[in-house]
C-alpha atoms as a PDB file:
ATOM      1  CA  MET A   1      -2.808   9.655  40.776  1.00  0.00           C
ATOM      2  CA  LYS A   2       0.777  10.062  39.285  1.00  0.00           C
ATOM      3  CA  GLN A   3       2.352  10.643  42.651  1.00  0.00           C
ATOM      4  CA  LYS A   4       0.526   7.528  44.041  1.00  0.00           C
ATOM      5  CA  ILE A   5       1.531   5.324  41.439  1.00  0.00           C
ATOM      6  CA  LYS A   6       5.089   6.230  41.812  1.00  0.00           C
ATOM      7  CA  GLU A   7       5.079   5.757  45.397  1.00  0.00           C
ATOM      8  CA  ALA A   8       3.489   2.392  45.003  1.00  0.00           C
ATOM      9  CA  LEU A   9       6.491   1.428  42.319  1.00  0.00           C
ATOM     10  CA  ARG A  10       8.941   2.808  44.961  1.00  0.00           C
ATOM     11  CA  GLN A  11       7.794   0.690  47.753  1.00  0.00           C
ATOM     12  CA  GLU A  12       7.294  -2.378  45.524  1.00  0.00           C
ATOM     13  CA  TYR A  13      10.999  -2.404  43.731  1.00  0.00           C
ATOM     14  CA  LYS A  14      13.378  -0.486  45.975  1.00  0.00           C
ATOM     15  CA  SER A  15      14.750  -3.820  47.245  1.00  0.00           C
ATOM     16  CA  ARG A  16      15.183  -4.997  43.813  1.00  0.00           C
ATOM     17  CA  LEU A  17      15.863  -2.191  41.555  1.00  0.00           C
ATOM     18  CA  GLU A  18      17.861   1.276  41.700  1.00  0.00           C
ATOM     19  CA  LEU A  19      15.353   3.369  40.776  1.00  0.00           C
ATOM     20  CA  ASN A  20      15.973   7.151  40.810  1.00  0.00           C
ATOM     21  CA  ASP A  21      12.735   9.800  40.843  1.00  0.00           C
ATOM     22  CA  GLU A  22      12.878  10.104  36.796  1.00  0.00           C
ATOM     23  CA  GLN A  23      12.798   6.681  36.124  1.00  0.00           C
ATOM     24  CA  LEU A  24       9.728   6.508  38.394  1.00  0.00           C
ATOM     25  CA  ASP A  25       8.252   9.481  36.841  1.00  0.00           C
ATOM     26  CA  GLY A  26       8.442   8.255  33.512  1.00  0.00           C
ATOM     27  CA  MET A  27       6.956   4.161  34.665  1.00  0.00           C
ATOM     28  CA  ALA A  28       3.891   6.713  36.145  1.00  0.00           C
ATOM     29  CA  ALA A  29       3.124   8.562  33.036  1.00  0.00           C
ATOM     30  CA  PHE A  30       3.482   5.721  31.141  1.00  0.00           C
ATOM     31  CA  ALA A  31       1.019   3.580  33.261  1.00  0.00           C
ATOM     32  CA  MET A  32      -1.545   6.550  33.228  1.00  0.00           C
ATOM     33  CA  THR A  33      -1.002   7.075  29.126  1.00  0.00           C
ATOM     34  CA  PHE A  34      -0.646   3.742  28.139  1.00  0.00           C
ATOM     35  CA  ALA A  35      -1.860   1.266  30.545  1.00  0.00           C
ATOM     36  CA  ASN A  36      -5.044   3.192  31.420  1.00  0.00           C
ATOM     37  CA  VAL A  37      -4.479   3.029  35.104  1.00  0.00           C
ATOM     38  CA  THR A  38      -6.598   6.043  36.166  1.00  0.00           C
ATOM     39  CA  GLU A  39      -7.924   4.845  39.189  1.00  0.00           C
ATOM     40  CA  GLU A  40      -6.500   3.824  42.686  1.00  0.00           C
ATOM     41  CA  SER A  41      -7.949   0.199  42.425  1.00  0.00           C
ATOM     42  CA  ASN A  42      -5.845  -0.303  39.113  1.00  0.00           C
ATOM     43  CA  ILE A  43      -2.322   0.520  40.691  1.00  0.00           C
ATOM     44  CA  GLU A  44      -1.619  -2.309  42.636  1.00  0.00           C
ATOM     45  CA  GLU A  45      -2.759  -4.732  39.592  1.00  0.00           C
ATOM     46  CA  PHE A  46      -0.140  -2.587  37.414  1.00  0.00           C
ATOM     47  CA  VAL A  47       2.650  -2.407  39.944  1.00  0.00           C
ATOM     48  CA  LYS A  48       2.699  -6.322  40.617  1.00  0.00           C
ATOM     49  CA  ASN A  49       2.462  -7.173  37.506  1.00  0.00           C
ATOM     50  CA  ASP A  50       5.056  -9.018  35.902  1.00  0.00           C
ATOM     51  CA  ALA A  51       5.286  -7.003  32.664  1.00  0.00           C
ATOM     52  CA  THR A  52       5.880  -3.729  34.641  1.00  0.00           C
ATOM     53  CA  LEU A  53       8.944  -5.381  36.250  1.00  0.00           C
ATOM     54  CA  ALA A  54      10.074  -6.505  32.865  1.00  0.00           C
ATOM     55  CA  MET A  55       9.757  -2.864  31.588  1.00  0.00           C
ATOM     56  CA  LEU A  56      11.462  -1.307  34.433  1.00  0.00           C
ATOM     57  CA  LYS A  57      14.536  -3.752  33.999  1.00  0.00           C
ATOM     58  CA  SER A  58      14.372  -2.809  30.194  1.00  0.00           C
ATOM     59  CA  TYR A  59      14.253   0.760  31.610  1.00  0.00           C
ATOM     60  CA  GLN A  60      17.268   0.488  33.816  1.00  0.00           C
ATOM     61  CA  SER A  61      19.118  -1.368  31.391  1.00  0.00           C
ATOM     62  CA  VAL A  62      18.846   1.476  28.804  1.00  0.00           C
ATOM     63  CA  LEU A  63      19.891   4.089  31.174  1.00  0.00           C
ATOM     64  CA  ASP A  64      22.916   1.805  32.381  1.00  0.00           C
ATOM     65  CA  LYS A  65      23.956   1.538  29.120  1.00  0.00           C
ATOM     66  CA  ASP A  66      23.415   5.498  28.636  1.00  0.00           C
ATOM     67  CA  ARG A  67      25.608   5.966  31.919  1.00  0.00           C
ATOM     68  CA  ALA A  68      28.247   3.409  30.773  1.00  0.00           C
ATOM     69  CA  LYS A  69      28.644   4.856  27.181  1.00  0.00           C
ATOM     70  CA  ARG A  70      28.824   8.370  28.666  1.00  0.00           C
ATOM     71  CA  LYS A  71      31.799   6.945  31.252  1.00  0.00           C
ATOM     72  CA  GLY A  72      33.555   5.602  28.197  1.00  0.00           C
ATOM     73  CA  ASP A  73      33.548   8.542  26.662  1.00  0.00           C
ATOM     74  CA  GLY A  74      34.777  10.761  29.439  1.00  0.00           C
ATOM     75  CA  ASP A  75      37.481   7.872  29.936  1.00  0.00           C
ATOM     76  CA  GLN A  76      38.521   8.539  26.327  1.00  0.00           C
ATOM     77  CA  GLY A  77      38.592  12.413  26.295  1.00  0.00           C
ATOM     78  CA  GLN A  78      40.866  12.296  29.665  1.00  0.00           C
ATOM     79  CA  GLN A  79      43.277   9.304  27.932  1.00  0.00           C
ATOM     80  CA  GLY A  80      43.851  11.862  24.905  1.00  0.00           C
ATOM     81  CA  THR A  81      44.799  14.927  26.974  1.00  0.00           C
ATOM     82  CA  HIS A  82      47.508  12.722  29.308  1.00  0.00           C
ATOM     83  CA  ASN A  83      48.524  11.990  25.514  1.00  0.00           C
ATOM     84  CA  GLY A  84      48.956  15.518  25.042  1.00  0.00           C
ATOM     85  CA  ASN A  85      46.095  15.173  22.246  1.00  0.00           C
ATOM     86  CA  ASN A  86      43.177  17.255  22.289  1.00  0.00           C
ATOM     87  CA  PRO A  87      40.055  15.833  23.769  1.00  0.00           C
ATOM     88  CA  PRO A  88      37.215  14.952  21.539  1.00  0.00           C
ATOM     89  CA  GLU A  89      34.363  17.490  21.629  1.00  0.00           C
ATOM     90  CA  PRO A  90      31.857  16.178  24.172  1.00  0.00           C
ATOM     91  CA  ASN A  91      28.993  14.774  22.307  1.00  0.00           C
ATOM     92  CA  PRO A  92      26.657  13.283  25.060  1.00  0.00           C
ATOM     93  CA  GLN A  93      23.947  10.927  23.827  1.00  0.00           C
ATOM     94  CA  GLY A  94      20.508  11.831  25.103  1.00  0.00           C
ATOM     95  CA  LEU A  95      17.967   9.084  25.933  1.00  0.00           C
ATOM     96  CA  ASP A  96      15.907   8.032  22.878  1.00  0.00           C
ATOM     97  CA  VAL A  97      12.413   8.620  24.977  1.00  0.00           C
ATOM     98  CA  ASP A  98      10.395   7.011  21.879  1.00  0.00           C
ATOM     99  CA  ALA A  99      12.506   3.694  21.341  1.00  0.00           C
ATOM    100  CA  LEU A 100      12.219   3.487  25.355  1.00  0.00           C
ATOM    101  CA  VAL A 101       8.692   3.558  24.838  1.00  0.00           C
ATOM    102  CA  GLU A 102       8.368   1.357  22.065  1.00  0.00           C
ATOM    103  CA  ARG A 103      10.442  -1.333  24.045  1.00  0.00           C
ATOM    104  CA  LEU A 104       8.069  -1.017  26.928  1.00  0.00           C
ATOM    105  CA  ASN A 105       4.951  -1.234  25.115  1.00  0.00           C
ATOM    106  CA  ALA A 106       6.249  -4.417  23.406  1.00  0.00           C
ATOM    107  CA  ALA A 107       6.936  -5.911  26.595  1.00  0.00           C
ATOM    108  CA  TRP A 108       3.731  -4.866  28.051  1.00  0.00           C
ATOM    109  CA  GLU A 109       2.016  -6.419  25.317  1.00  0.00           C
ATOM    110  CA  GLN A 110       3.985  -9.833  25.681  1.00  0.00           C
ATOM    111  CA  LYS A 111       3.054 -10.265  28.895  1.00  0.00           C
ATOM    112  CA  LEU A 112      -0.706  -9.518  28.515  1.00  0.00           C
ATOM    113  CA  GLN A 113      -1.275 -11.592  25.412  1.00  0.00           C
ATOM    114  CA  PRO A 114      -1.721 -14.686  27.230  1.00  0.00           C
ATOM    115  CA  LEU A 115      -4.452 -13.125  29.163  1.00  0.00           C
ATOM    116  CA  GLN A 116      -5.994 -11.115  26.176  1.00  0.00           C
ATOM    117  CA  GLU A 117      -6.026 -14.688  24.822  1.00  0.00           C
ATOM    118  CA  LYS A 118      -7.916 -16.313  27.849  1.00  0.00           C
ATOM    119  CA  LEU A 119     -10.338 -13.523  27.986  1.00  0.00           C
ATOM    120  CA  ASN A 120     -11.014 -13.613  24.092  1.00  0.00           C
ATOM    121  CA  ALA A 121     -11.554 -17.604  24.527  1.00  0.00           C
ATOM    122  CA  PHE A 122     -13.921 -16.944  27.528  1.00  0.00           C
ATOM    123  CA  GLU A 123     -15.680 -14.701  25.706  1.00  0.00           C
ATOM    124  CA  THR A 124     -16.040 -16.913  22.494  1.00  0.00           C
ATOM    125  CA  ALA A 125     -17.340 -19.686  25.110  1.00  0.00           C
ATOM    126  CA  LYS A 126     -19.790 -17.360  26.521  1.00  0.00           C
ATOM    127  CA  SER A 127     -21.328 -16.153  23.167  1.00  0.00           C
ATOM    128  CA  ALA A 128     -21.487 -19.919  22.122  1.00  0.00           C
ATOM    129  CA  GLU A 129     -23.677 -20.734  25.423  1.00  0.00           C
ATOM    130  CA  LEU A 130     -25.787 -17.897  24.840  1.00  0.00           C
ATOM    131  CA  ALA A 131     -26.475 -18.685  21.119  1.00  0.00           C
ATOM    132  CA  VAL A 132     -27.227 -22.255  21.901  1.00  0.00           C
ATOM    133  CA  LYS A 133     -29.769 -21.028  24.544  1.00  0.00           C
ATOM    134  CA  THR A 134     -31.298 -18.627  22.544  1.00  0.00           C
ATOM    135  CA  ALA A 135     -31.834 -21.276  19.381  1.00  0.00           C
ATOM    136  CA  GLN A 136     -32.817 -23.561  21.680  1.00  0.00           C
ATOM    137  CA  ASP A 137     -35.805 -21.122  23.473  1.00  0.00           C
ATOM    138  CA  LYS A 138     -36.845 -20.313  19.971  1.00  0.00           C
ATOM    139  CA  PHE A 139     -37.156 -24.051  18.612  1.00  0.00           C
ATOM    140  CA  GLY A 140     -38.780 -25.270  21.556  1.00  0.00           C
ATOM    141  CA  ALA A 141     -41.523 -22.332  21.275  1.00  0.00           C
ATOM    142  CA  ASP A 142     -42.903 -23.359  18.102  1.00  0.00           C
ATOM    143  CA  ALA A 143     -46.121 -25.330  18.781  1.00  0.00           C
ATOM    144  CA  TRP A 144     -45.433 -27.887  16.405  1.00  0.00           C
ATOM    145  CA  VAL A 145     -41.797 -28.669  17.894  1.00  0.00           C
ATOM    146  CA  ASN A 146     -42.820 -28.682  21.457  1.00  0.00           C
ATOM    147  CA  GLY A 147     -46.060 -30.759  20.875  1.00  0.00           C
ATOM    148  CA  TYR A 148     -43.653 -33.850  19.713  1.00  0.00           C
ATOM    149  CA  PRO A 149     -40.911 -33.792  22.193  1.00  0.00           C
ATOM    150  CA  GLU A 150     -39.646 -37.027  20.810  1.00  0.00           C
ATOM    151  CA  LEU A 151     -39.113 -35.481  17.393  1.00  0.00           C
ATOM    152  CA  ARG A 152     -38.111 -32.070  19.239  1.00  0.00           C
ATOM    153  CA  ASP A 153     -35.130 -33.777  20.789  1.00  0.00           C
ATOM    154  CA  SER A 154     -33.850 -35.861  17.912  1.00  0.00           C
ATOM    155  CA  ALA A 155     -33.906 -32.802  15.631  1.00  0.00           C
ATOM    156  CA  TRP A 156     -32.272 -30.533  18.286  1.00  0.00           C
ATOM    157  CA  ALA A 157     -29.743 -33.369  19.002  1.00  0.00           C
ATOM    158  CA  GLN A 158     -28.900 -33.696  15.408  1.00  0.00           C
ATOM    159  CA  ALA A 159     -28.829 -30.072  14.944  1.00  0.00           C
ATOM    160  CA  ILE A 160     -25.935 -29.729  17.697  1.00  0.00           C
ATOM    161  CA  ARG A 161     -24.082 -32.284  16.466  1.00  0.00           C
ATOM    162  CA  ILE A 162     -23.782 -30.063  13.197  1.00  0.00           C
ATOM    163  CA  TYR A 163     -23.140 -27.125  15.119  1.00  0.00           C
ATOM    164  CA  GLU A 164     -20.221 -28.613  17.222  1.00  0.00           C
ATOM    165  CA  ARG A 165     -18.655 -30.286  13.656  1.00  0.00           C
ATOM    166  CA  THR A 166     -18.381 -26.773  12.140  1.00  0.00           C
ATOM    167  CA  GLY A 167     -16.730 -25.299  15.157  1.00  0.00           C
ATOM    168  CA  LYS A 168     -19.568 -23.633  16.907  1.00  0.00           C
ATOM    169  CA  SER A 169     -19.620 -20.815  14.402  1.00  0.00           C
ATOM    170  CA  MET A 170     -23.335 -20.837  14.058  1.00  0.00           C
ATOM    171  CA  THR A 171     -25.417 -17.615  15.259  1.00  0.00           C
ATOM    172  CA  ALA A 172     -28.511 -18.570  17.225  1.00  0.00           C
ATOM    173  CA  ASP A 173     -30.561 -17.896  13.990  1.00  0.00           C
ATOM    174  CA  GLU A 174     -28.621 -20.438  11.819  1.00  0.00           C
ATOM    175  CA  LEU A 175     -28.831 -22.938  14.601  1.00  0.00           C
ATOM    176  CA  HIS A 176     -32.609 -22.437  15.005  1.00  0.00           C
ATOM    177  CA  THR A 177     -32.607 -22.826  11.093  1.00  0.00           C
ATOM    178  CA  GLU A 178     -30.686 -25.923  11.069  1.00  0.00           C
ATOM    179  CA  ALA A 179     -32.839 -27.653  13.761  1.00  0.00           C
ATOM    180  CA  MET A 180     -36.079 -26.748  11.806  1.00  0.00           C
ATOM    181  CA  GLU A 181     -34.795 -28.098   8.314  1.00  0.00           C
ATOM    182  CA  ILE A 182     -34.164 -31.278  10.576  1.00  0.00           C
ATOM    183  CA  PHE A 183     -37.524 -31.206  12.193  1.00  0.00           C
ATOM    184  CA  LYS A 184     -39.443 -30.933   9.054  1.00  0.00           C
ATOM    185  CA  PRO A 185     -38.699 -34.278   7.423  1.00  0.00           C
ATOM    186  CA  LEU A 186     -39.225 -35.922  10.641  1.00  0.00           C
ATOM    187  CA  ALA A 187     -42.561 -34.329  11.168  1.00  0.00           C
ATOM    188  CA  LYS A 188     -43.438 -35.198   7.388  1.00  0.00           C
ATOM    189  CA  ALA A 189     -42.307 -38.797   8.064  1.00  0.00           C
ATOM    190  CA  LYS A 190     -45.310 -38.956  10.957  1.00  0.00           C
ATOM    191  CA  GLY A 191     -47.676 -37.736   8.645  1.00  0.00           C
ATOM    192  CA  LEU A 192     -47.543 -34.053  10.021  1.00  0.00           C
ATOM    193  CA  ASP A 193     -48.323 -31.029   8.019  1.00  0.00           C
ATOM    194  CA  ILE A 194     -46.902 -28.371   9.970  1.00  0.00           C
ATOM    195  CA  SER A 195     -47.719 -25.672   7.408  1.00  0.00           C
ATOM    196  CA  LYS A 196     -50.988 -25.510   8.974  1.00  0.00           C
ATOM    197  CA  PRO A 197     -51.690 -24.081  12.725  1.00  0.00           C
ATOM    198  CA  PHE A 198     -50.702 -26.861  15.104  1.00  0.00           C
ATOM    199  CA  GLN A 199     -53.645 -28.891  16.600  1.00  0.00           C
ATOM    200  CA  SER A 200     -52.924 -31.725  18.524  1.00  0.00           C
ATOM    201  CA  ASP A 201     -53.921 -35.244  17.710  1.00  0.00           C
ATOM    202  CA  GLY A 202     -53.830 -36.532  21.032  1.00  0.00           C
ATOM    203  CA  GLY A 203     -50.331 -37.882  20.607  1.00  0.00           C
ATOM    204  CA  ALA A 204     -48.796 -34.875  20.991  1.00  0.00           C
ATOM    205  CA  GLY A 205     -46.752 -34.104  24.054  1.00  0.00           C
ATOM    206  CA  GLY A 206     -47.308 -30.201  24.254  1.00  0.00           C
ATOM    207  CA  ASP A 207     -51.057 -30.313  25.386  1.00  0.00           C
ATOM    208  CA  ASP A 208     -53.673 -32.887  26.982  1.00  0.00           C
ATOM    209  CA  ALA A 209     -55.131 -35.738  24.958  1.00  0.00           C
ATOM    210  CA  ASP A 210     -58.786 -34.604  23.945  1.00  0.00           C
ATOM    211  CA  PHE A 211     -60.972 -37.881  25.058  1.00  0.00           C
ATOM    212  CA  SER A 212     -64.289 -36.168  24.877  1.00  0.00           C
ATOM    213  CA  ALA A 213     -65.122 -38.027  21.719  1.00  0.00           C
ATOM    214  CA  PHE A 214     -64.418 -41.189  23.082  1.00  0.00           C
ATOM    215  CA  ASP A 215     -66.497 -40.350  26.371  1.00  0.00           C
ATOM    216  CA  LYS A 216     -69.614 -39.444  24.315  1.00  0.00           C
ATOM    217  CA  ALA A 217     -69.157 -42.982  22.255  1.00  0.00           C
ATOM    218  CA  ALA A 218     -68.658 -44.670  25.570  1.00  0.00           C
ATOM    219  CA  GLU A 219     -71.715 -42.810  26.912  1.00  0.00           C
ATOM    220  CA  LYS A 220     -73.953 -44.111  24.148  1.00  0.00           C
ATOM    221  CA  LEU A 221     -72.838 -47.519  24.671  1.00  0.00           C
ATOM    222  CA  GLY A 222     -74.059 -47.308  28.145  1.00  0.00           C
ATOM    223  CA  TRP A 223     -70.688 -47.102  29.597  1.00  0.00           C
ATOM    224  CA  VAL A 224     -71.134 -44.866  32.172  1.00  0.00           C
ATOM    225  CA  GLU A 225     -68.135 -44.276  34.980  1.00  0.00           C
ATOM    226  CA  PRO A 226     -69.292 -45.726  38.708  1.00  0.00           C
ATOM    227  CA  LYS A 227     -69.708 -43.046  40.684  1.00  0.00           C
END
């Protein structure tokens, strides 16, 4: 996997950056360790990501500065020899791998932050949508609520307005409770006692109205439906 990542990086950036095998090896190791590139299907996304290019440029910049410093130290040593002085003891500065990894991680996180924010927003929206649907289904499953569609729709509309004003932060249970608390006084104002088992009075919308008593009275009066 590491070799495949190296080759993909080489092909993508060979015309833009001067990358040696050591740099590619370091980036491939970074991809597998920190970017979780463990499948071939992840390689292209990592290689072509803007964050990867930024990290490679940062990587190369650090190495270029290191080479320039080494070159400067060497020039000073030669100058000292020409002046008849003893050249300074060589003290090559190695590459601070920990600092480099920290910079690469920071660049990667900076590039990924907008994507993560979009993902979080999407997940929040989906969670809110699911909460509303769950609460609505539970609310509508109540026999009294379902039996009086006009009261149901009014209570639900008010509950949704409250839900939106509070930043859509309610859970499904909280939204259902809110809707029921609104429905109760509406039902009471209509003379309904929802503490009792539901029984349609003929004005409810959940069941067909019961006309059996009317039919019996009409039959006694001789009102017979023509055949």
